[in-house]
Structures are given as C-alpha cells and as structure tokens.
C-alpha atoms as a PDB file:
ATOM      1  CA  UNK A   1     -24.142  38.163  -3.290  1.00  0.00           C
ATOM      2  CA  UNK A   2     -21.600  38.862  -0.597  1.00  0.00           C
ATOM      3  CA  UNK A   3     -24.507  38.520   2.326  1.00  0.00           C
ATOM      4  CA  UNK A   4     -25.208  35.061   0.621  1.00  0.00           C
ATOM      5  CA  UNK A   5     -21.734  33.864   0.827  1.00  0.00           C
ATOM      6  CA  UNK A   6     -21.402  35.002   4.452  1.00  0.00           C
ATOM      7  CA  UNK A   7     -24.530  33.065   5.243  1.00  0.00           C
ATOM      8  CA  UNK A   8     -23.031  29.960   3.641  1.00  0.00           C
ATOM      9  CA  UNK A   9     -19.952  30.345   5.574  1.00  0.00           C
ATOM     10  CA  UNK A  10     -21.665  30.719   8.814  1.00  0.00           C
ATOM     11  CA  UNK A  11     -23.826  27.552   8.015  1.00  0.00           C
ATOM     12  CA  UNK A  12     -20.825  25.555   7.243  1.00  0.00           C
ATOM     13  CA  UNK A  13     -19.149  26.617  10.675  1.00  0.00           C
ATOM     14  CA  UNK A  14     -22.231  25.846  12.539  1.00  0.00           C
ATOM     15  CA  UNK A  15     -22.384  22.407  10.938  1.00  0.00           C
ATOM     16  CA  UNK A  16     -18.743  21.846  11.760  1.00  0.00           C
ATOM     17  CA  UNK A  17     -19.188  22.904  15.426  1.00  0.00           C
ATOM     18  CA  UNK A  18     -22.324  20.538  15.660  1.00  0.00           C
ATOM     19  CA  UNK A  19     -20.444  17.816  14.235  1.00  0.00           C
ATOM     20  CA  UNK A  20     -17.606  18.333  16.761  1.00  0.00           C
ATOM     21  CA  UNK A  21     -20.083  18.309  19.722  1.00  0.00           C
ATOM     22  CA  UNK A  22     -21.770  15.233  18.380  1.00  0.00           C
ATOM     23  CA  UNK A  23     -18.568  13.476  18.241  1.00  0.00           C
ATOM     24  CA  UNK A  24     -17.300  14.503  21.561  1.00  0.00           C
ATOM     25  CA  UNK A  25     -20.796  13.210  23.062  1.00  0.00           C
ATOM     26  CA  UNK A  26     -20.315   9.776  21.704  1.00  0.00           C
ATOM     27  CA  UNK A  27     -19.574   7.702  24.814  1.00  0.00           C
ATOM     28  CA  UNK A  28     -17.963   4.608  23.041  1.00  0.00           C
ATOM     29  CA  UNK A  29     -15.481   6.451  20.813  1.00  0.00           C
ATOM     30  CA  UNK A  30     -13.606   9.235  22.631  1.00  0.00           C
ATOM     31  CA  UNK A  31     -12.864  12.009  20.024  1.00  0.00           C
ATOM     32  CA  UNK A  32      -9.266  13.340  19.216  1.00  0.00           C
ATOM     33  CA  UNK A  33      -7.941  16.720  19.237  1.00  0.00           C
ATOM     34  CA  UNK A  34      -6.623  16.993  15.716  1.00  0.00           C
ATOM     35  CA  UNK A  35      -4.211  19.733  16.709  1.00  0.00           C
ATOM     36  CA  UNK A  36      -2.840  18.035  19.622  1.00  0.00           C
ATOM     37  CA  UNK A  37       0.849  17.372  19.406  1.00  0.00           C
ATOM     38  CA  UNK A  38       1.443  19.867  16.744  1.00  0.00           C
ATOM     39  CA  UNK A  39       4.021  22.823  17.153  1.00  0.00           C
ATOM     40  CA  UNK A  40       2.522  25.401  19.546  1.00  0.00           C
ATOM     41  CA  UNK A  41      -0.165  23.176  20.666  1.00  0.00           C
ATOM     42  CA  UNK A  42      -0.619  21.310  24.066  1.00  0.00           C
ATOM     43  CA  UNK A  43       1.049  18.037  23.889  1.00  0.00           C
ATOM     44  CA  UNK A  44       0.334  14.920  26.384  1.00  0.00           C
ATOM     45  CA  UNK A  45       2.888  14.424  28.995  1.00  0.00           C
ATOM     46  CA  UNK A  46       3.454  10.745  29.208  1.00  0.00           C
ATOM     47  CA  UNK A  47       2.269   9.406  32.530  1.00  0.00           C
ATOM     48  CA  UNK A  48       4.437   6.361  33.559  1.00  0.00           C
ATOM     49  CA  UNK A  49       1.831   4.969  36.056  1.00  0.00           C
ATOM     50  CA  UNK A  50      -0.192   4.281  32.804  1.00  0.00           C
ATOM     51  CA  UNK A  51      -0.134   1.552  30.363  1.00  0.00           C
ATOM     52  CA  UNK A  52      -1.645   3.546  27.421  1.00  0.00           C
ATOM     53  CA  UNK A  53      -2.693   1.650  24.422  1.00  0.00           C
ATOM     54  CA  UNK A  54      -3.383   2.990  20.891  1.00  0.00           C
ATOM     55  CA  UNK A  55      -6.154   1.077  19.567  1.00  0.00           C
ATOM     56  CA  UNK A  56      -9.211   0.691  17.180  1.00  0.00           C
ATOM     57  CA  UNK A  57     -12.661   1.319  18.695  1.00  0.00           C
ATOM     58  CA  UNK A  58     -14.359  -1.133  16.311  1.00  0.00           C
ATOM     59  CA  UNK A  59     -11.979  -3.728  15.187  1.00  0.00           C
ATOM     60  CA  UNK A  60     -12.931  -7.070  16.610  1.00  0.00           C
ATOM     61  CA  UNK A  61     -11.580  -9.529  17.539  1.00  0.00           C
ATOM     62  CA  UNK A  62      -8.542  -7.290  18.051  1.00  0.00           C
ATOM     63  CA  UNK A  63     -10.164  -4.447  19.979  1.00  0.00           C
ATOM     64  CA  UNK A  64     -13.064  -2.435  20.584  1.00  0.00           C
ATOM     65  CA  UNK A  65     -14.261   0.457  22.778  1.00  0.00           C
ATOM     66  CA  UNK A  66     -15.788  -1.863  25.095  1.00  0.00           C
ATOM     67  CA  UNK A  67     -12.181  -3.711  25.577  1.00  0.00           C
ATOM     68  CA  UNK A  68     -13.674  -7.046  24.345  1.00  0.00           C
ATOM     69  CA  UNK A  69     -11.022  -7.893  21.981  1.00  0.00           C
ATOM     70  CA  UNK A  70      -8.194 -10.339  22.517  1.00  0.00           C
ATOM     71  CA  UNK A  71      -5.493  -7.613  22.358  1.00  0.00           C
ATOM     72  CA  UNK A  72      -7.472  -5.935  24.984  1.00  0.00           C
ATOM     73  CA  UNK A  73      -7.214  -8.890  27.369  1.00  0.00           C
ATOM     74  CA  UNK A  74      -3.501  -9.277  26.572  1.00  0.00           C
ATOM     75  CA  UNK A  75      -3.152  -5.656  27.204  1.00  0.00           C
ATOM     76  CA  UNK A  76      -4.788  -6.294  30.681  1.00  0.00           C
ATOM     77  CA  UNK A  77      -2.434  -9.136  31.472  1.00  0.00           C
ATOM     78  CA  UNK A  78       0.465  -6.941  30.721  1.00  0.00           C
ATOM     79  CA  UNK A  79      -0.679  -3.852  32.545  1.00  0.00           C
ATOM     80  CA  UNK A  80      -1.613  -5.933  35.551  1.00  0.00           C
ATOM     81  CA  UNK A  81       1.953  -7.675  35.635  1.00  0.00           C
ATOM     82  CA  UNK A  82       3.593  -4.256  35.487  1.00  0.00           C
ATOM     83  CA  UNK A  83       1.431  -2.670  37.937  1.00  0.00           C
ATOM     84  CA  UNK A  84       0.031   0.018  35.737  1.00  0.00           C
ATOM     85  CA  UNK A  85      -3.297   1.522  34.929  1.00  0.00           C
ATOM     86  CA  UNK A  86      -4.501   0.418  31.758  1.00  0.00           C
ATOM     87  CA  UNK A  87      -6.044   3.277  29.413  1.00  0.00           C
ATOM     88  CA  UNK A  88      -6.745   3.688  25.656  1.00  0.00           C
ATOM     89  CA  UNK A  89      -6.687   6.213  22.950  1.00  0.00           C
ATOM     90  CA  UNK A  90      -8.904   5.210  20.133  1.00  0.00           C
ATOM     91  CA  UNK A  91      -8.671   5.920  16.429  1.00  0.00           C
ATOM     92  CA  UNK A  92      -9.622   3.946  13.321  1.00  0.00           C
ATOM     93  CA  UNK A  93      -6.615   1.884  12.265  1.00  0.00           C
ATOM     94  CA  UNK A  94      -6.535   3.307   8.951  1.00  0.00           C
ATOM     95  CA  UNK A  95      -4.149   5.763   6.956  1.00  0.00           C
ATOM     96  CA  UNK A  96      -2.519   8.068   9.504  1.00  0.00           C
ATOM     97  CA  UNK A  97      -3.216   5.827  12.484  1.00  0.00           C
ATOM     98  CA  UNK A  98       0.296   5.980  13.775  1.00  0.00           C
ATOM     99  CA  UNK A  99       0.839   9.537  13.005  1.00  0.00           C
ATOM    100  CA  UNK A 100      -2.395  10.640  15.063  1.00  0.00           C
ATOM    101  CA  UNK A 101      -1.804   8.282  18.004  1.00  0.00           C
ATOM    102  CA  UNK A 102       1.664   6.721  18.778  1.00  0.00           C
ATOM    103  CA  UNK A 103       3.660   9.380  17.232  1.00  0.00           C
ATOM    104  CA  UNK A 104       1.562  12.303  18.487  1.00  0.00           C
ATOM    105  CA  UNK A 105       2.105  11.081  22.133  1.00  0.00           C
ATOM    106  CA  UNK A 106      -1.520  10.362  22.646  1.00  0.00           C
ATOM    107  CA  UNK A 107      -0.801   6.686  23.715  1.00  0.00           C
ATOM    108  CA  UNK A 108       2.510   4.649  24.147  1.00  0.00           C
ATOM    109  CA  UNK A 109       1.761   1.058  23.008  1.00  0.00           C
ATOM    110  CA  UNK A 110       0.457  -0.714  19.851  1.00  0.00           C
ATOM    111  CA  UNK A 111      -0.517  -4.173  20.715  1.00  0.00           C
ATOM    112  CA  UNK A 112       0.016  -5.814  17.322  1.00  0.00           C
ATOM    113  CA  UNK A 113       2.324  -5.048  14.442  1.00  0.00           C
ATOM    114  CA  UNK A 114       4.528  -7.276  12.253  1.00  0.00           C
ATOM    115  CA  UNK A 115       7.974  -7.910  14.038  1.00  0.00           C
ATOM    116  CA  UNK A 116       9.781  -6.207  11.181  1.00  0.00           C
ATOM    117  CA  UNK A 117       7.834  -2.987  11.058  1.00  0.00           C
ATOM    118  CA  UNK A 118      10.330  -0.403  10.759  1.00  0.00           C
ATOM    119  CA  UNK A 119       8.235   2.492  11.808  1.00  0.00           C
ATOM    120  CA  UNK A 120       8.251   1.276  15.514  1.00  0.00           C
ATOM    121  CA  UNK A 121      10.663  -0.437  18.029  1.00  0.00           C
ATOM    122  CA  UNK A 122       9.137  -3.932  18.329  1.00  0.00           C
ATOM    123  CA  UNK A 123       9.329  -6.593  20.844  1.00  0.00           C
ATOM    124  CA  UNK A 124      10.175 -10.270  20.116  1.00  0.00           C
ATOM    125  CA  UNK A 125       7.055 -12.028  18.436  1.00  0.00           C
ATOM    126  CA  UNK A 126       4.446 -12.941  20.962  1.00  0.00           C
ATOM    127  CA  UNK A 127       2.596 -14.992  18.471  1.00  0.00           C
ATOM    128  CA  UNK A 128       2.435 -16.015  14.757  1.00  0.00           C
ATOM    129  CA  UNK A 129      -0.530 -16.531  12.581  1.00  0.00           C
ATOM    130  CA  UNK A 130      -1.345 -17.074   9.016  1.00  0.00           C
ATOM    131  CA  UNK A 131      -4.175 -16.829   6.423  1.00  0.00           C
ATOM    132  CA  UNK A 132      -6.907 -19.469   6.616  1.00  0.00           C
ATOM    133  CA  UNK A 133      -9.523 -21.133   4.386  1.00  0.00           C
ATOM    134  CA  UNK A 134     -12.874 -21.086   6.036  1.00  0.00           C
ATOM    135  CA  UNK A 135     -16.016 -22.923   4.850  1.00  0.00           C
ATOM    136  CA  UNK A 136     -19.391 -24.011   6.215  1.00  0.00           C
ATOM    137  CA  UNK A 137     -19.104 -27.664   7.746  1.00  0.00           C
ATOM    138  CA  UNK A 138     -22.217 -28.723   5.743  1.00  0.00           C
ATOM    139  CA  UNK A 139     -20.342 -28.093   2.613  1.00  0.00           C
ATOM    140  CA  UNK A 140     -18.279 -31.294   3.264  1.00  0.00           C
ATOM    141  CA  UNK A 141     -15.255 -29.647   1.620  1.00  0.00           C
ATOM    142  CA  UNK A 142     -11.934 -31.093   2.287  1.00  0.00           C
ATOM    143  CA  UNK A 143      -9.488 -28.068   1.568  1.00  0.00           C
ATOM    144  CA  UNK A 144      -5.798 -28.683   2.664  1.00  0.00           C
ATOM    145  CA  UNK A 145      -3.883 -26.563   0.076  1.00  0.00           C
ATOM    146  CA  UNK A 146      -4.258 -24.707  -3.216  1.00  0.00           C
ATOM    147  CA  UNK A 147      -4.580 -27.861  -5.239  1.00  0.00           C
ATOM    148  CA  UNK A 148      -7.572 -29.113  -3.299  1.00  0.00           C
ATOM    149  CA  UNK A 149     -10.347 -29.808  -5.759  1.00  0.00           C
ATOM    150  CA  UNK A 150     -13.102 -28.387  -3.535  1.00  0.00           C
ATOM    151  CA  UNK A 151     -11.560 -24.788  -4.003  1.00  0.00           C
ATOM    152  CA  UNK A 152     -13.015 -24.917  -7.423  1.00  0.00           C
ATOM    153  CA  UNK A 153     -16.569 -25.685  -6.360  1.00  0.00           C
ATOM    154  CA  UNK A 154     -17.706 -22.371  -5.546  1.00  0.00           C
ATOM    155  CA  UNK A 155     -17.295 -18.546  -5.008  1.00  0.00           C
ATOM    156  CA  UNK A 156     -14.197 -17.703  -2.909  1.00  0.00           C
ATOM    157  CA  UNK A 157     -14.281 -14.528  -0.699  1.00  0.00           C
ATOM    158  CA  UNK A 158     -10.795 -12.865  -0.496  1.00  0.00           C
ATOM    159  CA  UNK A 159      -9.459  -9.381   0.359  1.00  0.00           C
ATOM    160  CA  UNK A 160      -8.441  -7.733  -2.984  1.00  0.00           C
ATOM    161  CA  UNK A 161      -4.657  -7.371  -3.090  1.00  0.00           C
ATOM    162  CA  UNK A 162      -4.149  -9.381   0.214  1.00  0.00           C
ATOM    163  CA  UNK A 163      -1.217 -12.067  -0.075  1.00  0.00           C
ATOM    164  CA  UNK A 164      -3.558 -14.846  -0.702  1.00  0.00           C
ATOM    165  CA  UNK A 165      -4.419 -13.485  -4.207  1.00  0.00           C
ATOM    166  CA  UNK A 166      -0.889 -14.457  -5.382  1.00  0.00           C
ATOM    167  CA  UNK A 167      -1.267 -18.219  -5.055  1.00  0.00           C
ATOM    168  CA  UNK A 168      -4.911 -17.910  -6.121  1.00  0.00           C
ATOM    169  CA  UNK A 169      -3.590 -16.403  -9.377  1.00  0.00           C
ATOM    170  CA  UNK A 170      -0.895 -19.006  -9.864  1.00  0.00           C
ATOM    171  CA  UNK A 171      -3.535 -21.695  -9.367  1.00  0.00           C
ATOM    172  CA  UNK A 172      -6.060 -20.228 -11.623  1.00  0.00           C
ATOM    173  CA  UNK A 173      -8.617 -19.627  -9.132  1.00  0.00           C
ATOM    174  CA  UNK A 174      -9.090 -15.751  -9.702  1.00  0.00           C
ATOM    175  CA  UNK A 175     -12.085 -16.621 -11.778  1.00  0.00           C
ATOM    176  CA  UNK A 176     -13.850 -17.847  -8.571  1.00  0.00           C
ATOM    177  CA  UNK A 177     -12.799 -14.796  -6.502  1.00  0.00           C
ATOM    178  CA  UNK A 178     -15.317 -12.645  -4.960  1.00  0.00           C
ATOM    179  CA  UNK A 179     -13.089  -9.759  -3.905  1.00  0.00           C
ATOM    180  CA  UNK A 180     -13.508  -7.525  -0.592  1.00  0.00           C
ATOM    181  CA  UNK A 181     -12.084  -4.124  -0.101  1.00  0.00           C
ATOM    182  CA  UNK A 182      -8.703  -4.202   1.645  1.00  0.00           C
ATOM    183  CA  UNK A 183      -9.724  -1.171   3.754  1.00  0.00           C
ATOM    184  CA  UNK A 184     -13.015  -2.070   5.447  1.00  0.00           C
ATOM    185  CA  UNK A 185     -16.069  -0.058   4.874  1.00  0.00           C
ATOM    186  CA  UNK A 186     -16.941   1.245   8.301  1.00  0.00           C
ATOM    187  CA  UNK A 187     -20.476   1.033   7.753  1.00  0.00           C
ATOM    188  CA  UNK A 188     -19.911  -2.956   7.851  1.00  0.00           C
ATOM    189  CA  UNK A 189     -19.030  -4.976  10.893  1.00  0.00           C
ATOM    190  CA  UNK A 190     -15.583  -6.725  10.985  1.00  0.00           C
ATOM    191  CA  UNK A 191     -17.440  -9.954  10.499  1.00  0.00           C
ATOM    192  CA  UNK A 192     -18.774  -9.125   7.022  1.00  0.00           C
ATOM    193  CA  UNK A 193     -17.087 -11.894   5.031  1.00  0.00           C
ATOM    194  CA  UNK A 194     -17.890 -14.642   7.387  1.00  0.00           C
ATOM    195  CA  UNK A 195     -21.410 -13.336   7.694  1.00  0.00           C
ATOM    196  CA  UNK A 196     -21.581 -13.674   3.867  1.00  0.00           C
ATOM    197  CA  UNK A 197     -20.181 -17.208   4.078  1.00  0.00           C
ATOM    198  CA  UNK A 198     -22.900 -18.057   6.635  1.00  0.00           C
ATOM    199  CA  UNK A 199     -25.552 -16.643   4.380  1.00  0.00           C
ATOM    200  CA  UNK A 200     -24.334 -18.635   1.359  1.00  0.00           C
ATOM    201  CA  UNK A 201     -23.347 -15.603  -0.593  1.00  0.00           C
ATOM    202  CA  UNK A 202     -19.794 -17.023  -0.953  1.00  0.00           C
ATOM    203  CA  UNK A 203     -18.785 -20.836  -0.464  1.00  0.00           C
ATOM    204  CA  UNK A 204     -15.284 -20.311   0.973  1.00  0.00           C
ATOM    205  CA  UNK A 205     -13.602 -17.488   2.649  1.00  0.00           C
ATOM    206  CA  UNK A 206      -9.892 -16.614   2.726  1.00  0.00           C
ATOM    207  CA  UNK A 207      -9.076 -14.399   5.692  1.00  0.00           C
ATOM    208  CA  UNK A 208      -6.281 -13.308   8.077  1.00  0.00           C
ATOM    209  CA  UNK A 209      -6.309 -15.963  10.753  1.00  0.00           C
ATOM    210  CA  UNK A 210      -7.342 -13.927  13.737  1.00  0.00           C
ATOM    211  CA  UNK A 211     -10.387 -12.543  11.765  1.00  0.00           C
ATOM    212  CA  UNK A 212     -11.263 -16.007  10.008  1.00  0.00           C
ATOM    213  CA  UNK A 213     -10.779 -18.126  13.204  1.00  0.00           C
ATOM    214  CA  UNK A 214     -12.757 -15.549  15.657  1.00  0.00           C
ATOM    215  CA  UNK A 215     -15.756 -15.070  13.643  1.00  0.00           C
ATOM    216  CA  UNK A 216     -16.018 -18.728  12.304  1.00  0.00           C
ATOM    217  CA  UNK A 217     -16.188 -19.700  16.128  1.00  0.00           C
ATOM    218  CA  UNK A 218     -18.835 -17.097  16.752  1.00  0.00           C
ATOM    219  CA  UNK A 219     -20.939 -18.063  13.755  1.00  0.00           C
ATOM    220  CA  UNK A 220     -24.278 -19.792  14.542  1.00  0.00           C
ATOM    221  CA  UNK A 221     -23.475 -21.883  11.295  1.00  0.00           C
ATOM    222  CA  UNK A 222     -20.776 -24.413  11.984  1.00  0.00           C
ATOM    223  CA  UNK A 223     -17.674 -23.636  10.279  1.00  0.00           C
ATOM    224  CA  UNK A 224     -14.295 -25.363   9.449  1.00  0.00           C
ATOM    225  CA  UNK A 225     -10.949 -23.367   9.454  1.00  0.00           C
ATOM    226  CA  UNK A 226      -7.793 -24.426   7.965  1.00  0.00           C
ATOM    227  CA  UNK A 227      -4.494 -22.723   7.998  1.00  0.00           C
ATOM    228  CA  UNK A 228      -3.269 -21.937   4.457  1.00  0.00           C
ATOM    229  CA  UNK A 229       0.174 -23.569   3.817  1.00  0.00           C
ATOM    230  CA  UNK A 230       3.021 -21.097   3.427  1.00  0.00           C
ATOM    231  CA  UNK A 231       3.611 -19.874  -0.090  1.00  0.00           C
ATOM    232  CA  UNK A 232       6.534 -17.530   0.523  1.00  0.00           C
ATOM    233  CA  UNK A 233       9.129 -19.934  -1.226  1.00  0.00           C
ATOM    234  CA  UNK A 234       7.091 -19.755  -4.172  1.00  0.00           C
ATOM    235  CA  UNK A 235       6.593 -16.137  -4.508  1.00  0.00           C
ATOM    236  CA  UNK A 236       7.497 -13.636  -1.574  1.00  0.00           C
ATOM    237  CA  UNK A 237       4.250 -11.475  -2.207  1.00  0.00           C
ATOM    238  CA  UNK A 238       2.195 -14.785  -1.343  1.00  0.00           C
ATOM    239  CA  UNK A 239       3.689 -14.705   2.347  1.00  0.00           C
ATOM    240  CA  UNK A 240       0.793 -16.144   4.418  1.00  0.00           C
ATOM    241  CA  UNK A 241       2.531 -16.369   7.898  1.00  0.00           C
ATOM    242  CA  UNK A 242       3.545 -13.354  10.031  1.00  0.00           C
ATOM    243  CA  UNK A 243       5.310 -13.012  13.429  1.00  0.00           C
ATOM    244  CA  UNK A 244       3.234 -10.542  15.488  1.00  0.00           C
ATOM    245  CA  UNK A 245       4.825  -8.167  18.086  1.00  0.00           C
ATOM    246  CA  UNK A 246       4.010  -5.119  20.395  1.00  0.00           C
ATOM    247  CA  UNK A 247       5.299  -1.796  19.036  1.00  0.00           C
ATOM    248  CA  UNK A 248       6.410   1.246  20.924  1.00  0.00           C
ATOM    249  CA  UNK A 249       7.936   4.672  19.676  1.00  0.00           C
ATOM    250  CA  UNK A 250      11.579   4.170  18.228  1.00  0.00           C
ATOM    251  CA  UNK A 251      13.079   6.078  21.047  1.00  0.00           C
ATOM    252  CA  UNK A 252      11.250   4.145  23.944  1.00  0.00           C
ATOM    253  CA  UNK A 253      13.955   1.444  24.650  1.00  0.00           C
ATOM    254  CA  UNK A 254      13.134   1.377  28.472  1.00  0.00           C
ATOM    255  CA  UNK A 255       9.384   0.843  27.678  1.00  0.00           C
ATOM    256  CA  UNK A 256      10.209  -1.810  25.337  1.00  0.00           C
ATOM    257  CA  UNK A 257      12.428  -3.712  27.836  1.00  0.00           C
ATOM    258  CA  UNK A 258       9.705  -3.429  30.323  1.00  0.00           C
ATOM    259  CA  UNK A 259       7.017  -4.818  27.971  1.00  0.00           C
ATOM    260  CA  UNK A 260       9.241  -7.637  26.671  1.00  0.00           C
ATOM    261  CA  UNK A 261       9.645  -8.697  30.346  1.00  0.00           C
ATOM    262  CA  UNK A 262       5.953  -8.798  30.847  1.00  0.00           C
ATOM    263  CA  UNK A 263       5.416 -10.791  27.621  1.00  0.00           C
ATOM    264  CA  UNK A 264       7.963 -13.220  28.479  1.00  0.00           C
ATOM    265  CA  UNK A 265       6.504 -13.858  31.949  1.00  0.00           C
ATOM    266  CA  UNK A 266       2.959 -14.221  30.634  1.00  0.00           C
ATOM    267  CA  UNK A 267       3.226 -16.322  27.576  1.00  0.00           C
ATOM    268  CA  UNK A 268       1.094 -19.190  28.981  1.00  0.00           C
ATOM    269  CA  UNK A 269      -1.806 -16.636  29.581  1.00  0.00           C
ATOM    270  CA  UNK A 270      -1.220 -14.882  26.260  1.00  0.00           C
ATOM    271  CA  UNK A 271      -1.640 -18.371  24.444  1.00  0.00           C
ATOM    272  CA  UNK A 272      -4.756 -19.301  26.454  1.00  0.00           C
ATOM    273  CA  UNK A 273      -6.354 -15.938  25.300  1.00  0.00           C
ATOM    274  CA  UNK A 274      -5.619 -16.764  21.696  1.00  0.00           C
ATOM    275  CA  UNK A 275      -7.072 -20.183  22.250  1.00  0.00           C
ATOM    276  CA  UNK A 276     -10.211 -18.801  23.837  1.00  0.00           C
ATOM    277  CA  UNK A 277     -10.848 -16.469  20.938  1.00  0.00           C
ATOM    278  CA  UNK A 278     -10.195 -19.092  18.416  1.00  0.00           C
ATOM    279  CA  UNK A 279      -7.254 -17.382  17.008  1.00  0.00           C
ATOM    280  CA  UNK A 280      -5.086 -19.663  14.767  1.00  0.00           C
ATOM    281  CA  UNK A 281      -1.451 -19.737  15.735  1.00  0.00           C
ATOM    282  CA  UNK A 282       1.734 -21.711  15.182  1.00  0.00           C
ATOM    283  CA  UNK A 283       5.230 -21.383  16.766  1.00  0.00           C
ATOM    284  CA  UNK A 284       6.988 -18.348  15.999  1.00  0.00           C
ATOM    285  CA  UNK A 285       9.845 -18.414  13.469  1.00  0.00           C
ATOM    286  CA  UNK A 286      12.818 -16.518  14.854  1.00  0.00           C
ATOM    287  CA  UNK A 287      14.120 -14.002  12.604  1.00  0.00           C
ATOM    288  CA  UNK A 288      11.332 -14.348  10.002  1.00  0.00           C
ATOM    289  CA  UNK A 289      10.833 -11.135   7.831  1.00  0.00           C
ATOM    290  CA  UNK A 290       9.718 -10.493   4.185  1.00  0.00           C
ATOM    291  CA  UNK A 291      13.481  -9.604   3.547  1.00  0.00           C
ATOM    292  CA  UNK A 292      14.154 -13.183   4.198  1.00  0.00           C
ATOM    293  CA  UNK A 293      11.715 -14.281   1.776  1.00  0.00           C
ATOM    294  CA  UNK A 294      12.972 -17.742   0.870  1.00  0.00           C
ATOM    295  CA  UNK A 295      13.570 -19.287   4.339  1.00  0.00           C
ATOM    296  CA  UNK A 296      11.690 -22.420   4.820  1.00  0.00           C
ATOM    297  CA  UNK A 297       9.176 -22.916   7.456  1.00  0.00           C
ATOM    298  CA  UNK A 298       8.270 -25.830   9.396  1.00  0.00           C
ATOM    299  CA  UNK A 299       4.727 -24.608  10.332  1.00  0.00           C
ATOM    300  CA  UNK A 300       2.365 -27.524   9.784  1.00  0.00           C
ATOM    301  CA  UNK A 301      -0.847 -27.140   8.014  1.00  0.00           C
ATOM    302  CA  UNK A 302      -3.479 -27.520  10.736  1.00  0.00           C
ATOM    303  CA  UNK A 303      -7.163 -27.893  10.447  1.00  0.00           C
ATOM    304  CA  UNK A 304      -9.563 -27.193  13.157  1.00  0.00           C
ATOM    305  CA  UNK A 305     -13.272 -27.276  13.581  1.00  0.00           C
ATOM    306  CA  UNK A 306     -14.647 -23.918  15.118  1.00  0.00           C
ATOM    307  CA  UNK A 307     -16.694 -24.920  17.911  1.00  0.00           C
END
C-alpha cells in the first residue's frame, strides 16, 4: 500500500514538472514564478530604463502577447515619449491580477483602470467610454435608448451582473436576455458575444464599449454600434460610463507624475488610436466616480456604423 502511494506521489510530481516545463516553453505567454516577491524569495528590482506594463496576454482589443491591442499602442507612445524601453509582464486579468503583477513588483504600470480605483494611484482620466448596443445592420433596428421598441424584437446578449442588467430589469427586458459569464471562459475568444451576434444566435449585444466597438468593426457582418444613455441618475448600480486612467503602485508618486506628463503631451495620438480601433469614447467627466452617483452628465448618445 505504501509503495502504491509513493508511486502516485511521484507521478503527480512528474506531471507538475512537465506542466511547468510546458508553460515555460510557451513562446507567446511568458510564465510567472509563483514565489517571486514572497518573503525570502528573489524579488525584481525596478529598472528605471524600462516602461514595464502589467498586461493580459489574450484580451483584445486591450492587449495580447503580440502587442496588438490599443493599450499596447498607447503604451508604445508613452514609452517613446519618456525615452524608455517598453516591456511586459503577462498574467490573465482575473482574480489576483494586481497581487501577482503590480504588487509583486513584476511590472510597474497598468494601462487601464477606473479613475477612482483605490487599489492603485491613478492618473487623470485619458479617455471615457460607456456600454453599447450592437446589432447587425441588416436587422434595420433603430435603438437609441431602453424604450426603443426594437429592443423587444429578439434575444439580447448581455454580461451577467454587468451594469446594463439594471436598466434591462427596470424596462422588463430580462425575459429577452441571453446571459454571458462575467469572467470569460478562456477557451473562448474575447469576441465571443459579437461572434454570436454575427451568427444570429442573438439579435442584439450589450457590451462594454471598447469590446463592442472593436469587434463590431472587425466583423465581416456589417454592424451598428450605439452608446447606451447614462442610467446612473436612475440607479447608481446601472452606471454605464466610466473614466479610464493609468494605474501604478500607491507609493509611486514620481512614476505617476512622469506618466501624467506623457499622457498630457500625447492626447491627440491617444484619441487617434482609440478611433483607429473603433473604441467609442466621449469627453472625460472631471471628478466622476460611483460615489458621486447622482451627478448629471452631458455625454450625448452617439450612434455610429462600424465600418
């Protein structure tokens, strides 16, 4: 019996080693040492000649390991402005992302977070986006707000527990909903909801603006994208628009000031990148946060065809 147990332990250890070797050999997704940064372990020393970004290796349109995302392009602009070498540490942006990247000193910059994220020191917002309605152009829908009759003509894809579910419920649209997981199944591409829309599995998609706008623009099936009107004054949990900032560690005041300067100097380039990727955006609302939930916004409801 003891001999059998020892064989099982040896087999498990062998499989674990093999898995680690396989992960380390993966060229597109550099592996992370799970012990790096823990007490008694070797810790990375920040190299001030680097602009080292914490990023997801498979999260278009934001970033990927080939540096094809719009955040990758914005990072290139900032690094060039600052005269620093751009480099990355990759980890899937899920639970523990900050703990295992920024706070473990494996990298120094998070390219996008909400401006009021108290887990990091954040820059002034460099863009603002909201949730969007997306539909196939050949549907001939005309959707401008939650009261639009065309919203009731088919299945609506929506991320479960996302802010948009609040006005959906208030407008008796939950019966039309086809929910998607709030944490993406990594076996599916980031475009999965818009892919389902293109196939006709759903008739309307409700998505965070950068995701809906980018994948609608990439789709071979012509799509229409419309920003959803702000709902925060009706219900704070239904907030649709968010200011987006760059984040660093709380203690990194000098790094923050340096990045802020680069953002200020390159705002025109950043807006062009957003437009090139089909990212819907509106004017930044100064001082916006969920805590100020009943502030009224002047952002207009814009509709655009994804070309």
